Amino acid sequence: MLGDILLKLISVLTPDDVKELKGAGCESEVATLLATCDGIAVAWRKAGVSDNQVWADIQIKLNALRSALRG
């Protein structure tokens, strides 16, 4: 359930949103947000209640957002 909530949360943010936020001077704030989401995902995974597909979806989405932040 936590994984589904996290996936919903990060699915709202698009790579274009990240680029726009970066351009507006909020790069460090977005990086912090992504790191926090990643930390939640890792804690959820370590708790042993994770769904492999949801885990994969979360990682794919976070990687896309991180890539947009670096780009």
C-alpha atoms as a PDB file:
ATOM      1  CA  MET A   1       0.000   0.000   0.000  1.00  0.00           C
ATOM      2  CA  LEU A   2       2.793   2.460   0.847  1.00  0.00           C
ATOM      3  CA  GLY A   3       4.413   1.664  -2.495  1.00  0.00           C
ATOM      4  CA  ASP A   4       1.223   2.497  -4.349  1.00  0.00           C
ATOM      5  CA  ILE A   5       0.936   5.801  -2.496  1.00  0.00           C
ATOM      6  CA  LEU A   6       4.544   6.679  -3.273  1.00  0.00           C
ATOM      7  CA  LEU A   7       4.081   5.749  -6.918  1.00  0.00           C
ATOM      8  CA  LYS A   8       1.014   8.000  -7.137  1.00  0.00           C
ATOM      9  CA  LEU A   9       2.943  10.825  -5.518  1.00  0.00           C
ATOM     10  CA  ILE A  10       5.889  10.709  -7.910  1.00  0.00           C
ATOM     11  CA  SER A  11       3.732   9.973 -10.957  1.00  0.00           C
ATOM     12  CA  VAL A  12       2.223  13.437 -10.703  1.00  0.00           C
ATOM     13  CA  LEU A  13       5.603  15.068 -11.326  1.00  0.00           C
ATOM     14  CA  THR A  14       6.786  14.934 -14.929  1.00  0.00           C
ATOM     15  CA  PRO A  15      10.292  15.343 -16.340  1.00  0.00           C
ATOM     16  CA  ASP A  16       9.120  18.602 -17.931  1.00  0.00           C
ATOM     17  CA  ASP A  17       7.973  19.829 -14.509  1.00  0.00           C
ATOM     18  CA  VAL A  18      11.417  19.011 -13.112  1.00  0.00           C
ATOM     19  CA  LYS A  19      13.104  20.927 -15.925  1.00  0.00           C
ATOM     20  CA  GLU A  20      10.828  23.907 -15.358  1.00  0.00           C
ATOM     21  CA  LEU A  21      11.482  23.881 -11.622  1.00  0.00           C
ATOM     22  CA  LYS A  22      15.215  23.630 -12.262  1.00  0.00           C
ATOM     23  CA  GLY A  23      15.010  26.580 -14.641  1.00  0.00           C
ATOM     24  CA  ALA A  24      13.175  28.557 -11.973  1.00  0.00           C
ATOM     25  CA  GLY A  25      16.054  28.066  -9.561  1.00  0.00           C
ATOM     26  CA  CYS A  26      14.591  25.216  -7.504  1.00  0.00           C
ATOM     27  CA  GLU A  27      17.138  22.544  -8.456  1.00  0.00           C
ATOM     28  CA  SER A  28      18.238  21.776  -4.895  1.00  0.00           C
ATOM     29  CA  GLU A  29      14.659  21.578  -3.654  1.00  0.00           C
ATOM     30  CA  VAL A  30      13.710  19.117  -6.398  1.00  0.00           C
ATOM     31  CA  ALA A  31      16.838  17.071  -5.695  1.00  0.00           C
ATOM     32  CA  THR A  32      15.832  16.940  -2.024  1.00  0.00           C
ATOM     33  CA  LEU A  33      12.301  15.874  -2.930  1.00  0.00           C
ATOM     34  CA  LEU A  34      13.581  13.066  -5.162  1.00  0.00           C
ATOM     35  CA  ALA A  35      16.073  11.925  -2.531  1.00  0.00           C
ATOM     36  CA  THR A  36      13.319  11.867   0.076  1.00  0.00           C
ATOM     37  CA  CYS A  37      11.045   9.821  -2.182  1.00  0.00           C
ATOM     38  CA  ASP A  38      13.909   7.444  -2.841  1.00  0.00           C
ATOM     39  CA  GLY A  39      14.532   7.124   0.896  1.00  0.00           C
ATOM     40  CA  ILE A  40      10.883   6.274   1.500  1.00  0.00           C
ATOM     41  CA  ALA A  41      10.993   3.677  -1.278  1.00  0.00           C
ATOM     42  CA  VAL A  42      14.127   2.074   0.148  1.00  0.00           C
ATOM     43  CA  ALA A  43      12.635   1.949   3.650  1.00  0.00           C
ATOM     44  CA  TRP A  44       9.478   0.365   2.237  1.00  0.00           C
ATOM     45  CA  ARG A  45      11.556  -2.172   0.325  1.00  0.00           C
ATOM     46  CA  LYS A  46      13.670  -3.025   3.386  1.00  0.00           C
ATOM     47  CA  ALA A  47      10.511  -3.582   5.433  1.00  0.00           C
ATOM     48  CA  GLY A  48       9.918  -6.620   3.247  1.00  0.00           C
ATOM     49  CA  VAL A  49       6.413  -5.732   2.173  1.00  0.00           C
ATOM     50  CA  SER A  50       7.277  -4.464  -1.270  1.00  0.00           C
ATOM     51  CA  ASP A  51       5.690  -5.502  -4.528  1.00  0.00           C
ATOM     52  CA  ASN A  52       8.367  -6.108  -7.166  1.00  0.00           C
ATOM     53  CA  GLN A  53       6.405  -4.451  -9.973  1.00  0.00           C
ATOM     54  CA  VAL A  54       5.602  -1.362  -7.904  1.00  0.00           C
ATOM     55  CA  TRP A  55       9.265  -1.198  -6.826  1.00  0.00           C
ATOM     56  CA  ALA A  56      10.345  -1.325 -10.477  1.00  0.00           C
ATOM     57  CA  ASP A  57       7.801   1.331 -11.453  1.00  0.00           C
ATOM     58  CA  ILE A  58       8.984   3.630  -8.667  1.00  0.00           C
ATOM     59  CA  GLN A  59      12.624   3.220  -9.689  1.00  0.00           C
ATOM     60  CA  ILE A  60      11.848   3.843 -13.368  1.00  0.00           C
ATOM     61  CA  LYS A  61       9.919   7.007 -12.530  1.00  0.00           C
ATOM     62  CA  LEU A  62      12.554   8.312 -10.102  1.00  0.00           C
ATOM     63  CA  ASN A  63      15.304   7.629 -12.629  1.00  0.00           C
ATOM     64  CA  ALA A  64      13.422   9.592 -15.294  1.00  0.00           C
ATOM     65  CA  LEU A  65      12.961  12.503 -12.908  1.00  0.00           C
ATOM     66  CA  ARG A  66      16.623  12.435 -11.837  1.00  0.00           C
ATOM     67  CA  SER A  67      17.663  12.366 -15.473  1.00  0.00           C
ATOM     68  CA  ALA A  68      15.531  15.413 -16.186  1.00  0.00           C
ATOM     69  CA  LEU A  69      17.145  17.179 -13.233  1.00  0.00           C
ATOM     70  CA  ARG A  70      20.640  16.430 -14.531  1.00  0.00           C
ATOM     71  CA  GLY A  71      19.739  17.357 -18.121  1.00  0.00           C
END
